[in-house]
Structures are given as C-alpha cells and as structure tokens.
Amino acid sequence: GLYDEVITYDEIDRTDGRVHSGLVDMAGSGPVRSAIHTHFAD
C-alpha cells in the first residue's frame, strides 16, 4: 500500500511514455534500465 502503482518488468512498455518520469534503479539490471530509458527517452 505504499506505491501508487505496481507493474512487472514486462509491463514497462505499457506505461505512458509521454509522462515526464524518473528512475531510481535498485535492481542494477542492464536490460531493465535499457527498457525504461528506451521507453521514456527524453
């Protein structure tokens, strides 16, 4: 009940990539980080 929303790693590309967002990466996974950067880009 602490997060406003919960998604799984395979649902990253289903979020709205137009929203100005930030990443705090606790996982350190290259593929996950790449997926988030690619989806949100600028």
PDB file of all heavy atoms in Angstrom:
ATOM      1  N   GLY A   1       0.796  -1.218   0.000  1.00  0.00           N
ATOM      2  CA  GLY A   1       0.000   0.000   0.000  1.00  0.00           C
ATOM      3  C   GLY A   1       0.829   1.269   0.000  1.00  0.00           C
ATOM      4  O   GLY A   1       0.324   2.341   0.367  1.00  0.00           O
ATOM      5  N   LEU A   2       2.098   1.180  -0.426  1.00  0.00           N
ATOM      6  CA  LEU A   2       2.985   2.340  -0.404  1.00  0.00           C
ATOM      7  C   LEU A   2       3.177   2.957  -1.782  1.00  0.00           C
ATOM      8  O   LEU A   2       3.368   4.171  -1.905  1.00  0.00           O
ATOM      9  CB  LEU A   2       4.353   1.948   0.170  1.00  0.00           C
ATOM     10  CG  LEU A   2       4.376   1.588   1.656  1.00  0.00           C
ATOM     11  CD1 LEU A   2       5.736   1.037   2.053  1.00  0.00           C
ATOM     12  CD2 LEU A   2       4.030   2.808   2.503  1.00  0.00           C
ATOM     13  N   TYR A   3       3.166   2.136  -2.820  1.00  0.00           N
ATOM     14  CA  TYR A   3       3.310   2.649  -4.178  1.00  0.00           C
ATOM     15  C   TYR A   3       1.937   3.058  -4.716  1.00  0.00           C
ATOM     16  O   TYR A   3       0.928   2.412  -4.429  1.00  0.00           O
ATOM     17  CB  TYR A   3       3.908   1.578  -5.099  1.00  0.00           C
ATOM     18  CG  TYR A   3       5.309   1.150  -4.745  1.00  0.00           C
ATOM     19  CD1 TYR A   3       5.536  -0.002  -3.986  1.00  0.00           C
ATOM     20  CD2 TYR A   3       6.410   1.882  -5.179  1.00  0.00           C
ATOM     21  CE1 TYR A   3       6.822  -0.411  -3.670  1.00  0.00           C
ATOM     22  CE2 TYR A   3       7.716   1.468  -4.869  1.00  0.00           C
ATOM     23  CZ  TYR A   3       7.903   0.329  -4.106  1.00  0.00           C
ATOM     24  OH  TYR A   3       9.182  -0.079  -3.802  1.00  0.00           O
ATOM     25  N   ASP A   4       1.921   4.088  -5.537  1.00  0.00           N
ATOM     26  CA  ASP A   4       0.670   4.488  -6.183  1.00  0.00           C
ATOM     27  C   ASP A   4       0.267   3.504  -7.266  1.00  0.00           C
ATOM     28  O   ASP A   4      -0.921   3.361  -7.582  1.00  0.00           O
ATOM     29  CB  ASP A   4       0.819   5.882  -6.800  1.00  0.00           C
ATOM     30  CG  ASP A   4       1.050   6.958  -5.744  1.00  0.00           C
ATOM     31  OD1 ASP A   4       0.242   7.035  -4.805  1.00  0.00           O
ATOM     32  OD2 ASP A   4       2.035   7.699  -5.865  1.00  0.00           O
ATOM     33  N   GLU A   5       1.246   2.815  -7.821  1.00  0.00           N
ATOM     34  CA  GLU A   5       1.002   1.871  -8.914  1.00  0.00           C
ATOM     35  C   GLU A   5       2.090   0.803  -8.873  1.00  0.00           C
ATOM     36  O   GLU A   5       3.233   1.090  -8.511  1.00  0.00           O
ATOM     37  CB  GLU A   5       1.045   2.628 -10.248  1.00  0.00           C
ATOM     38  CG  GLU A   5       0.733   1.817 -11.484  1.00  0.00           C
ATOM     39  CD  GLU A   5       0.812   2.662 -12.757  1.00  0.00           C
ATOM     40  OE1 GLU A   5       0.945   3.902 -12.658  1.00  0.00           O
ATOM     41  OE2 GLU A   5       0.751   2.059 -13.853  1.00  0.00           O
ATOM     42  N   VAL A   6       1.752  -0.413  -9.237  1.00  0.00           N
ATOM     43  CA  VAL A   6       2.715  -1.509  -9.278  1.00  0.00           C
ATOM     44  C   VAL A   6       2.637  -2.169 -10.645  1.00  0.00           C
ATOM     45  O   VAL A   6       1.543  -2.506 -11.122  1.00  0.00           O
ATOM     46  CB  VAL A   6       2.442  -2.552  -8.168  1.00  0.00           C
ATOM     47  CG1 VAL A   6       3.438  -3.710  -8.267  1.00  0.00           C
ATOM     48  CG2 VAL A   6       2.517  -1.900  -6.786  1.00  0.00           C
ATOM     49  N   ILE A   7       3.786  -2.352 -11.289  1.00  0.00           N
ATOM     50  CA  ILE A   7       3.857  -3.055 -12.573  1.00  0.00           C
ATOM     51  C   ILE A   7       4.967  -4.084 -12.506  1.00  0.00           C
ATOM     52  O   ILE A   7       5.838  -4.028 -11.635  1.00  0.00           O
ATOM     53  CB  ILE A   7       4.105  -2.088 -13.755  1.00  0.00           C
ATOM     54  CG1 ILE A   7       5.472  -1.404 -13.610  1.00  0.00           C
ATOM     55  CG2 ILE A   7       2.981  -1.062 -13.874  1.00  0.00           C
ATOM     56  CD1 ILE A   7       5.873  -0.571 -14.821  1.00  0.00           C
ATOM     57  N   THR A   8       4.930  -5.032 -13.436  1.00  0.00           N
ATOM     58  CA  THR A   8       6.009  -6.005 -13.554  1.00  0.00           C
ATOM     59  C   THR A   8       6.986  -5.550 -14.642  1.00  0.00           C
ATOM     60  O   THR A   8       6.683  -4.653 -15.435  1.00  0.00           O
ATOM     61  CB  THR A   8       5.463  -7.399 -13.880  1.00  0.00           C
ATOM     62  OG1 THR A   8       4.674  -7.324 -15.067  1.00  0.00           O
ATOM     63  CG2 THR A   8       4.608  -7.923 -12.737  1.00  0.00           C
ATOM     64  N   TYR A   9       8.135  -6.188 -14.676  1.00  0.00           N
ATOM     65  CA  TYR A   9       9.173  -5.765 -15.613  1.00  0.00           C
ATOM     66  C   TYR A   9       8.716  -5.857 -17.064  1.00  0.00           C
ATOM     67  O   TYR A   9       9.125  -5.041 -17.903  1.00  0.00           O
ATOM     68  CB  TYR A   9      10.447  -6.588 -15.400  1.00  0.00           C
ATOM     69  CG  TYR A   9      11.111  -6.313 -14.067  1.00  0.00           C
ATOM     70  CD1 TYR A   9      11.133  -7.274 -13.053  1.00  0.00           C
ATOM     71  CD2 TYR A   9      11.688  -5.084 -13.809  1.00  0.00           C
ATOM     72  CE1 TYR A   9      11.727  -7.013 -11.836  1.00  0.00           C
ATOM     73  CE2 TYR A   9      12.292  -4.804 -12.582  1.00  0.00           C
ATOM     74  CZ  TYR A   9      12.301  -5.769 -11.596  1.00  0.00           C
ATOM     75  OH  TYR A   9      12.878  -5.488 -10.389  1.00  0.00           O
ATOM     76  N   ASP A  10       7.850  -6.810 -17.361  1.00  0.00           N
ATOM     77  CA  ASP A  10       7.396  -6.947 -18.743  1.00  0.00           C
ATOM     78  C   ASP A  10       6.250  -5.995 -19.086  1.00  0.00           C
ATOM     79  O   ASP A  10       5.724  -6.028 -20.197  1.00  0.00           O
ATOM     80  CB  ASP A  10       6.996  -8.395 -19.049  1.00  0.00           C
ATOM     81  CG  ASP A  10       5.864  -8.901 -18.158  1.00  0.00           C
ATOM     82  OD1 ASP A  10       5.403  -8.130 -17.282  1.00  0.00           O
ATOM     83  OD2 ASP A  10       5.444 -10.056 -18.336  1.00  0.00           O
ATOM     84  N   GLU A  11       5.875  -5.133 -18.139  1.00  0.00           N
ATOM     85  CA  GLU A  11       4.815  -4.160 -18.390  1.00  0.00           C
ATOM     86  C   GLU A  11       5.337  -2.733 -18.541  1.00  0.00           C
ATOM     87  O   GLU A  11       4.553  -1.779 -18.632  1.00  0.00           O
ATOM     88  CB  GLU A  11       3.778  -4.210 -17.259  1.00  0.00           C
ATOM     89  CG  GLU A  11       3.010  -5.523 -17.187  1.00  0.00           C
ATOM     90  CD  GLU A  11       2.080  -5.610 -15.995  1.00  0.00           C
ATOM     91  OE1 GLU A  11       2.354  -4.950 -14.968  1.00  0.00           O
ATOM     92  OE2 GLU A  11       1.077  -6.332 -16.086  1.00  0.00           O
ATOM     93  N   ILE A  12       6.661  -2.572 -18.552  1.00  0.00           N
ATOM     94  CA  ILE A  12       7.236  -1.224 -18.637  1.00  0.00           C
ATOM     95  C   ILE A  12       6.738  -0.494 -19.879  1.00  0.00           C
ATOM     96  O   ILE A  12       6.373   0.688 -19.828  1.00  0.00           O
ATOM     97  CB  ILE A  12       8.776  -1.305 -18.633  1.00  0.00           C
ATOM     98  CG1 ILE A  12       9.270  -1.758 -17.258  1.00  0.00           C
ATOM     99  CG2 ILE A  12       9.397   0.043 -19.003  1.00  0.00           C
ATOM    100  CD1 ILE A  12      10.735  -2.135 -17.214  1.00  0.00           C
ATOM    101  N   ASP A  13       6.679  -1.207 -21.012  1.00  0.00           N
ATOM    102  CA  ASP A  13       6.292  -0.541 -22.258  1.00  0.00           C
ATOM    103  C   ASP A  13       4.790  -0.239 -22.332  1.00  0.00           C
ATOM    104  O   ASP A  13       4.329   0.374 -23.304  1.00  0.00           O
ATOM    105  CB  ASP A  13       6.731  -1.360 -23.474  1.00  0.00           C
ATOM    106  CG  ASP A  13       6.101  -2.753 -23.512  1.00  0.00           C
ATOM    107  OD1 ASP A  13       5.356  -3.105 -22.580  1.00  0.00           O
ATOM    108  OD2 ASP A  13       6.379  -3.493 -24.481  1.00  0.00           O
ATOM    109  N   ARG A  14       4.025  -0.655 -21.313  1.00  0.00           N
ATOM    110  CA  ARG A  14       2.597  -0.342 -21.294  1.00  0.00           C
ATOM    111  C   ARG A  14       2.299   0.956 -20.544  1.00  0.00           C
ATOM    112  O   ARG A  14       1.157   1.421 -20.548  1.00  0.00           O
ATOM    113  CB  ARG A  14       1.818  -1.493 -20.660  1.00  0.00           C
ATOM    114  CG  ARG A  14       2.003  -2.830 -21.377  1.00  0.00           C
ATOM    115  CD  ARG A  14       1.198  -3.922 -20.698  1.00  0.00           C
ATOM    116  NE  ARG A  14       1.677  -5.253 -21.078  1.00  0.00           N
ATOM    117  CZ  ARG A  14       1.216  -6.378 -20.555  1.00  0.00           C
ATOM    118  NH1 ARG A  14       0.255  -6.348 -19.641  1.00  0.00           N
ATOM    119  NH2 ARG A  14       1.722  -7.552 -20.943  1.00  0.00           N
ATOM    120  N   THR A  15       3.299   1.519 -19.892  1.00  0.00           N
ATOM    121  CA  THR A  15       3.111   2.798 -19.210  1.00  0.00           C
ATOM    122  C   THR A  15       3.142   3.920 -20.245  1.00  0.00           C
ATOM    123  O   THR A  15       3.619   3.742 -21.375  1.00  0.00           O
ATOM    124  CB  THR A  15       4.202   3.031 -18.155  1.00  0.00           C
ATOM    125  OG1 THR A  15       5.487   3.004 -18.804  1.00  0.00           O
ATOM    126  CG2 THR A  15       4.171   1.956 -17.084  1.00  0.00           C
ATOM    127  N   ASP A  16       2.655   5.080 -19.851  1.00  0.00           N
ATOM    128  CA  ASP A  16       2.586   6.220 -20.766  1.00  0.00           C
ATOM    129  C   ASP A  16       3.960   6.869 -20.887  1.00  0.00           C
ATOM    130  O   ASP A  16       4.413   7.568 -19.972  1.00  0.00           O
ATOM    131  CB  ASP A  16       1.550   7.231 -20.253  1.00  0.00           C
ATOM    132  CG  ASP A  16       1.254   8.335 -21.259  1.00  0.00           C
ATOM    133  OD1 ASP A  16       2.038   8.493 -22.225  1.00  0.00           O
ATOM    134  OD2 ASP A  16       0.247   9.038 -21.086  1.00  0.00           O
ATOM    135  N   GLY A  17       4.629   6.641 -21.991  1.00  0.00           N
ATOM    136  CA  GLY A  17       5.978   7.163 -22.195  1.00  0.00           C
ATOM    137  C   GLY A  17       6.034   8.654 -22.397  1.00  0.00           C
ATOM    138  O   GLY A  17       7.125   9.236 -22.452  1.00  0.00           O
ATOM    139  N   ARG A  18       4.877   9.310 -22.496  1.00  0.00           N
ATOM    140  CA  ARG A  18       4.849  10.764 -22.680  1.00  0.00           C
ATOM    141  C   ARG A  18       4.956  11.517 -21.353  1.00  0.00           C
ATOM    142  O   ARG A  18       5.194  12.729 -21.343  1.00  0.00           O
ATOM    143  CB  ARG A  18       3.554  11.172 -23.392  1.00  0.00           C
ATOM    144  CG  ARG A  18       3.396  10.585 -24.796  1.00  0.00           C
ATOM    145  CD  ARG A  18       1.985  10.782 -25.312  1.00  0.00           C
ATOM    146  NE  ARG A  18       1.006  10.089 -24.459  1.00  0.00           N
ATOM    147  CZ  ARG A  18      -0.308  10.119 -24.660  1.00  0.00           C
ATOM    148  NH1 ARG A  18      -0.799  10.826 -25.692  1.00  0.00           N
ATOM    149  NH2 ARG A  18      -1.126   9.460 -23.857  1.00  0.00           N
ATOM    150  N   VAL A  19       4.771  10.799 -20.254  1.00  0.00           N
ATOM    151  CA  VAL A  19       4.810  11.431 -18.939  1.00  0.00           C
ATOM    152  C   VAL A  19       6.255  11.669 -18.517  1.00  0.00           C
ATOM    153  O   VAL A  19       7.098  10.769 -18.609  1.00  0.00           O
ATOM    154  CB  VAL A  19       4.101  10.547 -17.896  1.00  0.00           C
ATOM    155  CG1 VAL A  19       4.200  11.173 -16.504  1.00  0.00           C
ATOM    156  CG2 VAL A  19       2.641  10.338 -18.287  1.00  0.00           C
ATOM    157  N   HIS A  20       6.560  12.883 -18.049  1.00  0.00           N
ATOM    158  CA  HIS A  20       7.892  13.174 -17.527  1.00  0.00           C
ATOM    159  C   HIS A  20       8.129  12.313 -16.275  1.00  0.00           C
ATOM    160  O   HIS A  20       7.383  12.424 -15.295  1.00  0.00           O
ATOM    161  CB  HIS A  20       8.029  14.653 -17.188  1.00  0.00           C
ATOM    162  CG  HIS A  20       8.115  15.525 -18.402  1.00  0.00           C
ATOM    163  ND1 HIS A  20       8.315  16.883 -18.329  1.00  0.00           N
ATOM    164  CD2 HIS A  20       8.036  15.226 -19.734  1.00  0.00           C
ATOM    165  CE1 HIS A  20       8.350  17.395 -19.555  1.00  0.00           C
ATOM    166  NE2 HIS A  20       8.179  16.403 -20.428  1.00  0.00           N
ATOM    167  N   SER A  21       9.146  11.472 -16.336  1.00  0.00           N
ATOM    168  CA  SER A  21       9.350  10.445 -15.314  1.00  0.00           C
ATOM    169  C   SER A  21      10.808  10.403 -14.868  1.00  0.00           C
ATOM    170  O   SER A  21      11.695  10.999 -15.490  1.00  0.00           O
ATOM    171  CB  SER A  21       8.943   9.070 -15.867  1.00  0.00           C
ATOM    172  OG  SER A  21       7.623   9.086 -16.358  1.00  0.00           O
ATOM    173  N   GLY A  22      11.029   9.700 -13.788  1.00  0.00           N
ATOM    174  CA  GLY A  22      12.377   9.478 -13.293  1.00  0.00           C
ATOM    175  C   GLY A  22      12.537   8.028 -12.882  1.00  0.00           C
ATOM    176  O   GLY A  22      11.558   7.321 -12.633  1.00  0.00           O
ATOM    177  N   LEU A  23      13.787   7.585 -12.797  1.00  0.00           N
ATOM    178  CA  LEU A  23      14.099   6.203 -12.428  1.00  0.00           C
ATOM    179  C   LEU A  23      15.037   6.184 -11.231  1.00  0.00           C
ATOM    180  O   LEU A  23      16.088   6.845 -11.242  1.00  0.00           O
ATOM    181  CB  LEU A  23      14.758   5.480 -13.607  1.00  0.00           C
ATOM    182  CG  LEU A  23      15.430   4.133 -13.307  1.00  0.00           C
ATOM    183  CD1 LEU A  23      14.412   3.105 -12.823  1.00  0.00           C
ATOM    184  CD2 LEU A  23      16.183   3.617 -14.535  1.00  0.00           C
ATOM    185  N   VAL A  24      14.653   5.444 -10.198  1.00  0.00           N
ATOM    186  CA  VAL A  24      15.576   5.080  -9.118  1.00  0.00           C
ATOM    187  C   VAL A  24      15.775   3.589  -9.237  1.00  0.00           C
ATOM    188  O   VAL A  24      14.857   2.799  -8.989  1.00  0.00           O
ATOM    189  CB  VAL A  24      15.027   5.466  -7.730  1.00  0.00           C
ATOM    190  CG1 VAL A  24      16.009   5.007  -6.652  1.00  0.00           C
ATOM    191  CG2 VAL A  24      14.820   6.975  -7.637  1.00  0.00           C
ATOM    192  N   ASP A  25      16.969   3.207  -9.644  1.00  0.00           N
ATOM    193  CA  ASP A  25      17.251   1.825 -10.003  1.00  0.00           C
ATOM    194  C   ASP A  25      17.891   1.087  -8.836  1.00  0.00           C
ATOM    195  O   ASP A  25      19.069   1.276  -8.539  1.00  0.00           O
ATOM    196  CB  ASP A  25      18.168   1.802 -11.228  1.00  0.00           C
ATOM    197  CG  ASP A  25      18.388   0.399 -11.761  1.00  0.00           C
ATOM    198  OD1 ASP A  25      17.646  -0.512 -11.348  1.00  0.00           O
ATOM    199  OD2 ASP A  25      19.300   0.213 -12.585  1.00  0.00           O
ATOM    200  N   MET A  26      17.109   0.246  -8.197  1.00  0.00           N
ATOM    201  CA  MET A  26      17.610  -0.597  -7.107  1.00  0.00           C
ATOM    202  C   MET A  26      18.054  -1.965  -7.624  1.00  0.00           C
ATOM    203  O   MET A  26      18.729  -2.704  -6.916  1.00  0.00           O
ATOM    204  CB  MET A  26      16.524  -0.800  -6.054  1.00  0.00           C
ATOM    205  CG  MET A  26      15.974   0.477  -5.459  1.00  0.00           C
ATOM    206  SD  MET A  26      17.123   1.289  -4.347  1.00  0.00           S
ATOM    207  CE  MET A  26      16.043   2.547  -3.637  1.00  0.00           C
ATOM    208  N   ALA A  27      17.650  -2.313  -8.848  1.00  0.00           N
ATOM    209  CA  ALA A  27      17.925  -3.641  -9.382  1.00  0.00           C
ATOM    210  C   ALA A  27      19.314  -3.735  -9.990  1.00  0.00           C
ATOM    211  O   ALA A  27      20.006  -4.747  -9.851  1.00  0.00           O
ATOM    212  CB  ALA A  27      16.871  -4.027 -10.420  1.00  0.00           C
ATOM    213  N   GLY A  28      19.735  -2.698 -10.694  1.00  0.00           N
ATOM    214  CA  GLY A  28      21.033  -2.738 -11.364  1.00  0.00           C
ATOM    215  C   GLY A  28      21.047  -3.590 -12.611  1.00  0.00           C
ATOM    216  O   GLY A  28      22.114  -3.927 -13.121  1.00  0.00           O
ATOM    217  N   SER A  29      19.892  -3.941 -13.113  1.00  0.00           N
ATOM    218  CA  SER A  29      19.798  -4.790 -14.302  1.00  0.00           C
ATOM    219  C   SER A  29      19.943  -3.948 -15.562  1.00  0.00           C
ATOM    220  O   SER A  29      19.149  -3.024 -15.795  1.00  0.00           O
ATOM    221  CB  SER A  29      18.443  -5.515 -14.315  1.00  0.00           C
ATOM    222  OG  SER A  29      18.178  -6.064 -15.592  1.00  0.00           O
ATOM    223  N   GLY A  30      20.940  -4.288 -16.394  1.00  0.00           N
ATOM    224  CA  GLY A  30      21.124  -3.581 -17.644  1.00  0.00           C
ATOM    225  C   GLY A  30      19.909  -3.644 -18.548  1.00  0.00           C
ATOM    226  O   GLY A  30      19.462  -2.606 -19.067  1.00  0.00           O
ATOM    227  N   PRO A  31      19.326  -4.824 -18.780  1.00  0.00           N
ATOM    228  CA  PRO A  31      18.141  -4.905 -19.642  1.00  0.00           C
ATOM    229  C   PRO A  31      16.952  -4.099 -19.127  1.00  0.00           C
ATOM    230  O   PRO A  31      16.238  -3.463 -19.911  1.00  0.00           O
ATOM    231  CB  PRO A  31      17.828  -6.406 -19.659  1.00  0.00           C
ATOM    232  CG  PRO A  31      19.145  -7.071 -19.413  1.00  0.00           C
ATOM    233  CD  PRO A  31      19.853  -6.163 -18.453  1.00  0.00           C
ATOM    234  N   VAL A  32      16.708  -4.112 -17.811  1.00  0.00           N
ATOM    235  CA  VAL A  32      15.589  -3.344 -17.257  1.00  0.00           C
ATOM    236  C   VAL A  32      15.845  -1.850 -17.411  1.00  0.00           C
ATOM    237  O   VAL A  32      14.969  -1.085 -17.829  1.00  0.00           O
ATOM    238  CB  VAL A  32      15.356  -3.709 -15.775  1.00  0.00           C
ATOM    239  CG1 VAL A  32      14.358  -2.744 -15.132  1.00  0.00           C
ATOM    240  CG2 VAL A  32      14.860  -5.137 -15.655  1.00  0.00           C
ATOM    241  N   ARG A  33      17.042  -1.424 -17.075  1.00  0.00           N
ATOM    242  CA  ARG A  33      17.374   0.001 -17.211  1.00  0.00           C
ATOM    243  C   ARG A  33      17.249   0.451 -18.668  1.00  0.00           C
ATOM    244  O   ARG A  33      16.722   1.530 -18.966  1.00  0.00           O
ATOM    245  CB  ARG A  33      18.792   0.245 -16.695  1.00  0.00           C
ATOM    246  CG  ARG A  33      19.211   1.699 -16.669  1.00  0.00           C
ATOM    247  CD  ARG A  33      20.477   1.903 -15.857  1.00  0.00           C
ATOM    248  NE  ARG A  33      21.522   0.986 -16.242  1.00  0.00           N
ATOM    249  CZ  ARG A  33      21.955  -0.016 -15.488  1.00  0.00           C
ATOM    250  NH1 ARG A  33      21.401  -0.255 -14.314  1.00  0.00           N
ATOM    251  NH2 ARG A  33      22.923  -0.808 -15.911  1.00  0.00           N
ATOM    252  N   SER A  34      17.726  -0.377 -19.582  1.00  0.00           N
ATOM    253  CA  SER A  34      17.636  -0.053 -21.007  1.00  0.00           C
ATOM    254  C   SER A  34      16.182   0.060 -21.449  1.00  0.00           C
ATOM    255  O   SER A  34      15.811   0.961 -22.223  1.00  0.00           O
ATOM    256  CB  SER A  34      18.357  -1.118 -21.833  1.00  0.00           C
ATOM    257  OG  SER A  34      18.247  -0.855 -23.217  1.00  0.00           O
ATOM    258  N   ALA A  35      15.332  -0.852 -20.957  1.00  0.00           N
ATOM    259  CA  ALA A  35      13.918  -0.821 -21.332  1.00  0.00           C
ATOM    260  C   ALA A  35      13.249   0.467 -20.876  1.00  0.00           C
ATOM    261  O   ALA A  35      12.449   1.068 -21.609  1.00  0.00           O
ATOM    262  CB  ALA A  35      13.195  -2.027 -20.748  1.00  0.00           C
ATOM    263  N   ILE A  36      13.568   0.917 -19.674  1.00  0.00           N
ATOM    264  CA  ILE A  36      12.964   2.148 -19.152  1.00  0.00           C
ATOM    265  C   ILE A  36      13.484   3.366 -19.910  1.00  0.00           C
ATOM    266  O   ILE A  36      12.715   4.248 -20.311  1.00  0.00           O
ATOM    267  CB  ILE A  36      13.223   2.267 -17.640  1.00  0.00           C
ATOM    268  CG1 ILE A  36      12.448   1.171 -16.890  1.00  0.00           C
ATOM    269  CG2 ILE A  36      12.829   3.656 -17.120  1.00  0.00           C
ATOM    270  CD1 ILE A  36      12.767   1.071 -15.416  1.00  0.00           C
ATOM    271  N   HIS A  37      14.795   3.418 -20.128  1.00  0.00           N
ATOM    272  CA  HIS A  37      15.366   4.547 -20.871  1.00  0.00           C
ATOM    273  C   HIS A  37      14.817   4.597 -22.296  1.00  0.00           C
ATOM    274  O   HIS A  37      14.496   5.675 -22.814  1.00  0.00           O
ATOM    275  CB  HIS A  37      16.891   4.425 -20.917  1.00  0.00           C
ATOM    276  CG  HIS A  37      17.586   4.998 -19.735  1.00  0.00           C
ATOM    277  ND1 HIS A  37      18.284   6.192 -19.778  1.00  0.00           N
ATOM    278  CD2 HIS A  37      17.692   4.556 -18.464  1.00  0.00           C
ATOM    279  CE1 HIS A  37      18.796   6.450 -18.584  1.00  0.00           C
ATOM    280  NE2 HIS A  37      18.456   5.460 -17.761  1.00  0.00           N
ATOM    281  N   THR A  38      14.695   3.453 -22.928  1.00  0.00           N
ATOM    282  CA  THR A  38      14.213   3.415 -24.304  1.00  0.00           C
ATOM    283  C   THR A  38      12.749   3.829 -24.389  1.00  0.00           C
ATOM    284  O   THR A  38      12.339   4.562 -25.296  1.00  0.00           O
ATOM    285  CB  THR A  38      14.395   1.999 -24.891  1.00  0.00           C
ATOM    286  OG1 THR A  38      15.781   1.660 -24.871  1.00  0.00           O
ATOM    287  CG2 THR A  38      13.876   1.917 -26.320  1.00  0.00           C
ATOM    288  N   HIS A  39      11.956   3.376 -23.424  1.00  0.00           N
ATOM    289  CA  HIS A  39      10.520   3.675 -23.452  1.00  0.00           C
ATOM    290  C   HIS A  39      10.239   5.158 -23.218  1.00  0.00           C
ATOM    291  O   HIS A  39       9.411   5.756 -23.920  1.00  0.00           O
ATOM    292  CB  HIS A  39       9.798   2.830 -22.404  1.00  0.00           C
ATOM    293  CG  HIS A  39       8.317   3.033 -22.374  1.00  0.00           C
ATOM    294  ND1 HIS A  39       7.494   2.718 -23.434  1.00  0.00           N
ATOM    295  CD2 HIS A  39       7.502   3.546 -21.414  1.00  0.00           C
ATOM    296  CE1 HIS A  39       6.247   3.006 -23.133  1.00  0.00           C
ATOM    297  NE2 HIS A  39       6.221   3.515 -21.916  1.00  0.00           N
ATOM    298  N   PHE A  40      10.924   5.761 -22.243  1.00  0.00           N
ATOM    299  CA  PHE A  40      10.644   7.162 -21.913  1.00  0.00           C
ATOM    300  C   PHE A  40      11.536   8.139 -22.682  1.00  0.00           C
ATOM    301  O   PHE A  40      11.155   9.293 -22.876  1.00  0.00           O
ATOM    302  CB  PHE A  40      10.785   7.387 -20.400  1.00  0.00           C
ATOM    303  CG  PHE A  40       9.685   6.764 -19.589  1.00  0.00           C
ATOM    304  CD1 PHE A  40       9.864   5.508 -19.013  1.00  0.00           C
ATOM    305  CD2 PHE A  40       8.480   7.408 -19.412  1.00  0.00           C
ATOM    306  CE1 PHE A  40       8.854   4.925 -18.264  1.00  0.00           C
ATOM    307  CE2 PHE A  40       7.456   6.834 -18.663  1.00  0.00           C
ATOM    308  CZ  PHE A  40       7.641   5.582 -18.094  1.00  0.00           C
ATOM    309  N   ALA A  41      12.725   7.694 -23.075  1.00  0.00           N
ATOM    310  CA  ALA A  41      13.661   8.512 -23.855  1.00  0.00           C
ATOM    311  C   ALA A  41      13.859   9.887 -23.201  1.00  0.00           C
ATOM    312  O   ALA A  41      14.196   9.970 -22.029  1.00  0.00           O
ATOM    313  CB  ALA A  41      13.196   8.605 -25.294  1.00  0.00           C
ATOM    314  N   ASP A  42      13.607  10.955 -23.945  1.00  0.00           N
ATOM    315  CA  ASP A  42      13.849  12.301 -23.419  1.00  0.00           C
ATOM    316  C   ASP A  42      12.857  12.701 -22.328  1.00  0.00           C
ATOM    317  O   ASP A  42      13.067  13.720 -21.647  1.00  0.00           O
ATOM    318  CB  ASP A  42      13.800  13.327 -24.558  1.00  0.00           C
ATOM    319  CG  ASP A  42      14.984  13.205 -25.505  1.00  0.00           C
ATOM    320  OD1 ASP A  42      15.996  12.615 -25.093  1.00  0.00           O
ATOM    321  OD2 ASP A  42      14.886  13.683 -26.645  1.00  0.00           O
TER     322      ASP A  42
END
